[in-house]
C-alpha atoms as a PDB file:
ATOM      1  CA  MET A   1      18.235 163.007 -26.474  1.00  0.00           C
ATOM      2  CA  LYS A   2      19.147 165.343 -23.552  1.00  0.00           C
ATOM      3  CA  ARG A   3      21.162 162.325 -22.258  1.00  0.00           C
ATOM      4  CA  ALA A   4      23.950 163.166 -25.182  1.00  0.00           C
ATOM      5  CA  PRO A   5      26.023 166.306 -23.791  1.00  0.00           C
ATOM      6  CA  LEU A   6      25.636 165.023 -20.427  1.00  0.00           C
ATOM      7  CA  LEU A   7      27.606 161.872 -21.549  1.00  0.00           C
ATOM      8  CA  VAL A   8      29.956 163.579 -23.910  1.00  0.00           C
ATOM      9  CA  LEU A   9      30.765 166.235 -20.918  1.00  0.00           C
ATOM     10  CA  ALA A  10      31.710 163.085 -18.867  1.00  0.00           C
ATOM     11  CA  GLY A  11      33.892 161.107 -20.900  1.00  0.00           C
ATOM     12  CA  THR A  12      35.795 164.674 -21.477  1.00  0.00           C
ATOM     13  CA  ALA A  13      35.889 164.894 -17.693  1.00  0.00           C
ATOM     14  CA  ALA A  14      37.163 161.663 -17.257  1.00  0.00           C
ATOM     15  CA  GLY A  15      39.753 161.534 -20.026  1.00  0.00           C
ATOM     16  CA  PHE A  16      41.013 165.477 -19.001  1.00  0.00           C
ATOM     17  CA  ILE A  17      41.514 163.685 -14.907  1.00  0.00           C
ATOM     18  CA  GLY A  18      43.390 160.465 -16.769  1.00  0.00           C
ATOM     19  CA  VAL A  19      45.378 163.032 -18.743  1.00  0.00           C
ATOM     20  CA  LEU A  20      46.038 164.962 -15.390  1.00  0.00           C
ATOM     21  CA  SER A  21      46.914 162.013 -13.451  1.00  0.00           C
ATOM     22  CA  PHE A  22      49.580 160.295 -15.634  1.00  0.00           C
ATOM     23  CA  HIS A  23      52.865 160.490 -14.134  1.00  0.00           C
ATOM     24  CA  THR A  24      56.279 160.276 -16.164  1.00  0.00           C
ATOM     25  CA  ARG A  25      59.719 159.793 -15.184  1.00  0.00           C
ATOM     26  CA  PRO A  26      61.591 163.102 -15.383  1.00  0.00           C
ATOM     27  CA  ALA A  27      64.253 162.588 -18.399  1.00  0.00           C
ATOM     28  CA  THR A  28      68.028 162.492 -17.142  1.00  0.00           C
ATOM     29  CA  LEU A  29      70.306 163.821 -19.956  1.00  0.00           C
ATOM     30  CA  THR A  30      73.581 162.325 -20.793  1.00  0.00           C
ATOM     31  CA  LEU A  31      75.931 163.704 -23.134  1.00  0.00           C
ATOM     32  CA  PRO A  32      78.002 162.166 -25.364  1.00  0.00           C
ATOM     33  CA  ALA A  33      81.867 161.900 -24.616  1.00  0.00           C
ATOM     34  CA  ALA A  34      83.727 164.381 -26.479  1.00  0.00           C
ATOM     35  CA  GLY A  35      86.564 162.879 -28.840  1.00  0.00           C
ATOM     36  CA  PRO A  36      87.697 161.938 -31.847  1.00  0.00           C
ATOM     37  CA  SER A  37      84.894 159.145 -33.327  1.00  0.00           C
ATOM     38  CA  PRO A  38      85.513 156.027 -34.993  1.00  0.00           C
ATOM     39  CA  SER A  39      84.311 154.893 -38.484  1.00  0.00           C
ATOM     40  CA  PRO A  40      80.967 153.140 -38.475  1.00  0.00           C
ATOM     41  CA  SER A  41      80.971 149.892 -39.085  1.00  0.00           C
ATOM     42  CA  ARG A  42      78.549 146.618 -38.381  1.00  0.00           C
ATOM     43  CA  THR A  43      81.392 144.747 -37.208  1.00  0.00           C
ATOM     44  CA  PRO A  44      81.637 144.140 -33.343  1.00  0.00           C
ATOM     45  CA  ALA A  45      83.974 147.067 -32.607  1.00  0.00           C
ATOM     46  CA  ALA A  46      84.888 145.287 -29.138  1.00  0.00           C
ATOM     47  CA  THR A  47      88.090 147.012 -26.729  1.00  0.00           C
ATOM     48  CA  ALA A  48      88.446 145.429 -23.717  1.00  0.00           C
ATOM     49  CA  GLY A  49      90.053 147.214 -21.082  1.00  0.00           C
ATOM     50  CA  ASN A  50      91.882 144.596 -18.539  1.00  0.00           C
ATOM     51  CA  ARG A  51      90.702 141.667 -20.090  1.00  0.00           C
ATOM     52  CA  GLY A  52      93.344 139.882 -18.944  1.00  0.00           C
ATOM     53  CA  VAL A  53      92.597 140.132 -15.433  1.00  0.00           C
ATOM     54  CA  ALA A  54      90.049 138.159 -13.657  1.00  0.00           C
ATOM     55  CA  GLY A  55      88.554 137.694 -10.601  1.00  0.00           C
ATOM     56  CA  PRO A  56      85.264 138.976  -8.726  1.00  0.00           C
ATOM     57  CA  GLY A  57      86.284 142.327  -8.703  1.00  0.00           C
ATOM     58  CA  ALA A  58      87.970 142.736 -12.127  1.00  0.00           C
ATOM     59  CA  VAL A  59      86.879 145.840 -14.080  1.00  0.00           C
ATOM     60  CA  ARG A  60      86.754 145.415 -17.546  1.00  0.00           C
ATOM     61  CA  SER A  61      85.320 147.806 -20.282  1.00  0.00           C
ATOM     62  CA  ALA A  62      84.031 146.834 -24.336  1.00  0.00           C
ATOM     63  CA  THR A  63      82.295 149.386 -26.752  1.00  0.00           C
ATOM     64  CA  GLY A  64      79.708 147.578 -29.132  1.00  0.00           C
ATOM     65  CA  ALA A  65      79.648 147.656 -32.735  1.00  0.00           C
ATOM     66  CA  ALA A  66      78.640 151.153 -34.148  1.00  0.00           C
ATOM     67  CA  GLU A  67      74.970 150.729 -34.975  1.00  0.00           C
ATOM     68  CA  GLN A  68      73.412 152.683 -37.754  1.00  0.00           C
ATOM     69  CA  PHE A  69      69.805 153.838 -36.962  1.00  0.00           C
ATOM     70  CA  GLY A  70      66.914 155.922 -38.567  1.00  0.00           C
ATOM     71  CA  TYR A  71      68.882 159.477 -37.732  1.00  0.00           C
ATOM     72  CA  GLY A  72      72.548 158.548 -37.337  1.00  0.00           C
ATOM     73  CA  VAL A  73      74.655 155.922 -35.877  1.00  0.00           C
ATOM     74  CA  LEU A  74      75.471 155.349 -32.008  1.00  0.00           C
ATOM     75  CA  ASP A  75      77.824 152.960 -30.483  1.00  0.00           C
ATOM     76  CA  VAL A  76      77.599 151.836 -26.739  1.00  0.00           C
ATOM     77  CA  LYS A  77      80.399 151.375 -24.248  1.00  0.00           C
ATOM     78  CA  VAL A  78      79.383 149.357 -21.113  1.00  0.00           C
ATOM     79  CA  THR A  79      81.839 149.245 -17.927  1.00  0.00           C
ATOM     80  CA  VAL A  80      81.708 145.718 -15.847  1.00  0.00           C
ATOM     81  CA  SER A  81      83.259 144.970 -12.277  1.00  0.00           C
ATOM     82  CA  GLY A  82      82.945 141.093 -11.697  1.00  0.00           C
ATOM     83  CA  THR A  83      79.679 140.714 -13.148  1.00  0.00           C
ATOM     84  CA  ARG A  84      78.071 143.846 -12.852  1.00  0.00           C
ATOM     85  CA  ILE A  85      77.291 146.387 -15.175  1.00  0.00           C
ATOM     86  CA  THR A  86      78.300 149.870 -13.754  1.00  0.00           C
ATOM     87  CA  ASP A  87      78.394 152.305 -16.356  1.00  0.00           C
ATOM     88  CA  VAL A  88      76.903 152.586 -19.609  1.00  0.00           C
ATOM     89  CA  SER A  89      78.372 155.835 -22.143  1.00  0.00           C
ATOM     90  CA  VAL A  90      77.784 156.681 -25.869  1.00  0.00           C
ATOM     91  CA  PRO A  91      81.267 157.706 -27.221  1.00  0.00           C
ATOM     92  CA  THR A  92      79.770 158.250 -30.650  1.00  0.00           C
ATOM     93  CA  LEU A  93      76.368 159.521 -31.341  1.00  0.00           C
ATOM     94  CA  GLU A  94      76.166 160.810 -34.408  1.00  0.00           C
ATOM     95  CA  VAL A  95      72.858 162.596 -35.583  1.00  0.00           C
ATOM     96  CA  ALA A  96      71.915 164.541 -39.240  1.00  0.00           C
ATOM     97  CA  GLU A  97      69.813 167.111 -37.123  1.00  0.00           C
ATOM     98  CA  PHE A  98      69.492 169.202 -34.539  1.00  0.00           C
ATOM     99  CA  THR A  99      65.842 167.672 -33.341  1.00  0.00           C
ATOM    100  CA  SER A 100      67.128 163.987 -33.920  1.00  0.00           C
ATOM    101  CA  GLN A 101      70.210 164.972 -31.380  1.00  0.00           C
ATOM    102  CA  GLN A 102      67.659 166.429 -28.493  1.00  0.00           C
ATOM    103  CA  ILE A 103      65.997 163.075 -28.815  1.00  0.00           C
ATOM    104  CA  CYS A 104      68.805 160.666 -28.793  1.00  0.00           C
ATOM    105  CA  ASP A 105      70.248 162.877 -25.400  1.00  0.00           C
ATOM    106  CA  GLN A 106      67.122 162.528 -24.107  1.00  0.00           C
ATOM    107  CA  ALA A 107      66.656 158.674 -24.868  1.00  0.00           C
ATOM    108  CA  ILE A 108      70.100 157.597 -24.081  1.00  0.00           C
ATOM    109  CA  GLY A 109      69.674 158.841 -20.280  1.00  0.00           C
ATOM    110  CA  LEU A 110      66.800 156.920 -20.030  1.00  0.00           C
ATOM    111  CA  LEU A 111      68.132 153.759 -21.703  1.00  0.00           C
ATOM    112  CA  ARG A 112      71.139 154.067 -19.623  1.00  0.00           C
ATOM    113  CA  SER A 113      68.934 154.124 -16.386  1.00  0.00           C
ATOM    114  CA  GLU A 114      67.094 151.299 -17.572  1.00  0.00           C
ATOM    115  CA  VAL A 115      70.280 149.058 -18.241  1.00  0.00           C
ATOM    116  CA  LEU A 116      72.090 149.612 -14.764  1.00  0.00           C
ATOM    117  CA  THR A 117      68.443 148.617 -13.534  1.00  0.00           C
ATOM    118  CA  ALA A 118      67.924 145.677 -15.351  1.00  0.00           C
ATOM    119  CA  GLN A 119      71.517 145.030 -15.550  1.00  0.00           C
ATOM    120  CA  SER A 120      71.299 142.990 -19.118  1.00  0.00           C
ATOM    121  CA  ALA A 121      70.575 144.186 -22.684  1.00  0.00           C
ATOM    122  CA  ARG A 122      66.943 143.139 -22.116  1.00  0.00           C
ATOM    123  CA  ILE A 123      65.320 146.557 -21.879  1.00  0.00           C
ATOM    124  CA  ASP A 124      62.278 148.852 -23.114  1.00  0.00           C
ATOM    125  CA  ALA A 125      62.371 150.940 -25.420  1.00  0.00           C
ATOM    126  CA  VAL A 126      61.710 154.704 -25.106  1.00  0.00           C
ATOM    127  CA  SER A 127      58.326 155.841 -26.738  1.00  0.00           C
ATOM    128  CA  GLY A 128      59.125 158.185 -29.355  1.00  0.00           C
ATOM    129  CA  ALA A 129      62.913 157.366 -29.399  1.00  0.00           C
ATOM    130  CA  THR A 130      62.628 153.469 -30.953  1.00  0.00           C
ATOM    131  CA  TYR A 131      65.124 153.505 -33.449  1.00  0.00           C
ATOM    132  CA  THR A 132      67.174 155.081 -31.285  1.00  0.00           C
ATOM    133  CA  SER A 133      66.548 152.459 -28.187  1.00  0.00           C
ATOM    134  CA  GLU A 134      66.819 149.160 -31.096  1.00  0.00           C
ATOM    135  CA  ALA A 135      70.510 150.310 -32.039  1.00  0.00           C
ATOM    136  CA  TYR A 136      71.683 151.242 -28.619  1.00  0.00           C
ATOM    137  CA  ALA A 137      70.590 147.750 -27.224  1.00  0.00           C
ATOM    138  CA  ALA A 138      72.194 145.940 -30.151  1.00  0.00           C
ATOM    139  CA  SER A 139      75.671 147.690 -29.289  1.00  0.00           C
ATOM    140  CA  LEU A 140      75.295 147.410 -25.617  1.00  0.00           C
ATOM    141  CA  GLN A 141      74.470 143.342 -26.216  1.00  0.00           C
ATOM    142  CA  ALA A 142      77.740 143.328 -29.137  1.00  0.00           C
ATOM    143  CA  ALA A 143      79.845 144.797 -26.238  1.00  0.00           C
ATOM    144  CA  LEU A 144      78.509 142.052 -23.837  1.00  0.00           C
ATOM    145  CA  ASP A 145      79.143 139.629 -25.865  1.00  0.00           C
ATOM    146  CA  ALA A 146      82.647 140.645 -26.193  1.00  0.00           C
ATOM    147  CA  LEU A 147      82.975 140.512 -22.321  1.00  0.00           C
ATOM    148  CA  HIS A 148      81.147 137.583 -22.175  1.00  0.00           C
ATOM    149  CA  ALA A 149      78.762 139.185 -19.566  1.00  0.00           C
ATOM    150  CA  LYS A 150      75.206 138.860 -19.591  1.00  0.00           C
END
C-alpha cells in the first residue's frame, strides 16, 4: 500500500515533464486589410486580376466566397504566380466579440503559413479555431477554383 503515493508522484512528475517539453510554433499575427467590406454571400465572389494574362509567371488573384462560421464572416484572397501560391490574405473579417477577434487574428496567421507551405487548400485546422479554419479553407478553395489553380 505504500507504493501508491510513489506511483502517483512518479506519474505527476512524468506528466509535468511532458508538459514542459511540449513545443509549439510561435503565432504570427496577420491583421485583416482595412477597407470597405462586401456584403457576405455564399456564392463565389471571385475577382480575378490579370486573368487574361497567360504564361508561367502570370500573377493572378481572386477572392473566395464570404464564409460564415460560428463567430462571424470571413473571405480569403489568394495571389498566384504561375502555379505557385505567393500570398494569402483575409480582406473581410467580421466577428461579434473581442475574444473571437483575438482567436481569429492568431489562427489566420497560422493558416496563412500552412497554405504557403502546403501550396494548396488542404491544410490542418488550428486547434481552438476549428470553425475559423474550416471557413478559411472553404473560401480559399473557392478562390483557387476561380483561378483554376490547385
